Amino acid sequence: MANVLSLNDRTLTELDAVRLERLRRQGAALRMDDLLDTASVVPSRDVAPDVVTMYSQVLVRDAQGGENRLTLCYPDDAEPAQGFISVLSPVGLALLGLHVGSVARWQTPDGTQHSAEIVALLFQPEASGDYTT
């Protein structure tokens, strides 16, 4: 069974936290306040290889069993049709910092509730030795 985690069960790399803090100061998503204020922050070299970090590619499975590959990115790189999801989107913010096996939960602007299990982490920059992306 998948893990359902709260925001304070999230892990961010120091680099991701600094960049997200910059976005927050520019007026980014309100829910980011909770994430930045409660997540564990670790050096990039120390992040577990099963944690969704920025530019990670994840395989998620929705409640109906559909699977999607998503790459978590910053707003300027977002191309939802190609699977590049902004961290400021509801799903992007829901995924960041979770572990494989966790369930991400989010609400779209129209109020619809969604969830998806993180089935696999297909790529994580830190796991491949990239600590600066």
Foldseek 3Di string as FASTA:
>chain_A
DFAEDDLLLFEAEPQQLVVVVVVVVVPADPVVVSNSVRYHYHHLLPDDPFFQYAQWWFWKAWPVGDIDIAGEHDPVPDDVVVRDDYCRAFQNVQRHRDGQRHKGWGAHPVGDITIIGGPGGPDDCSVVPRRDD
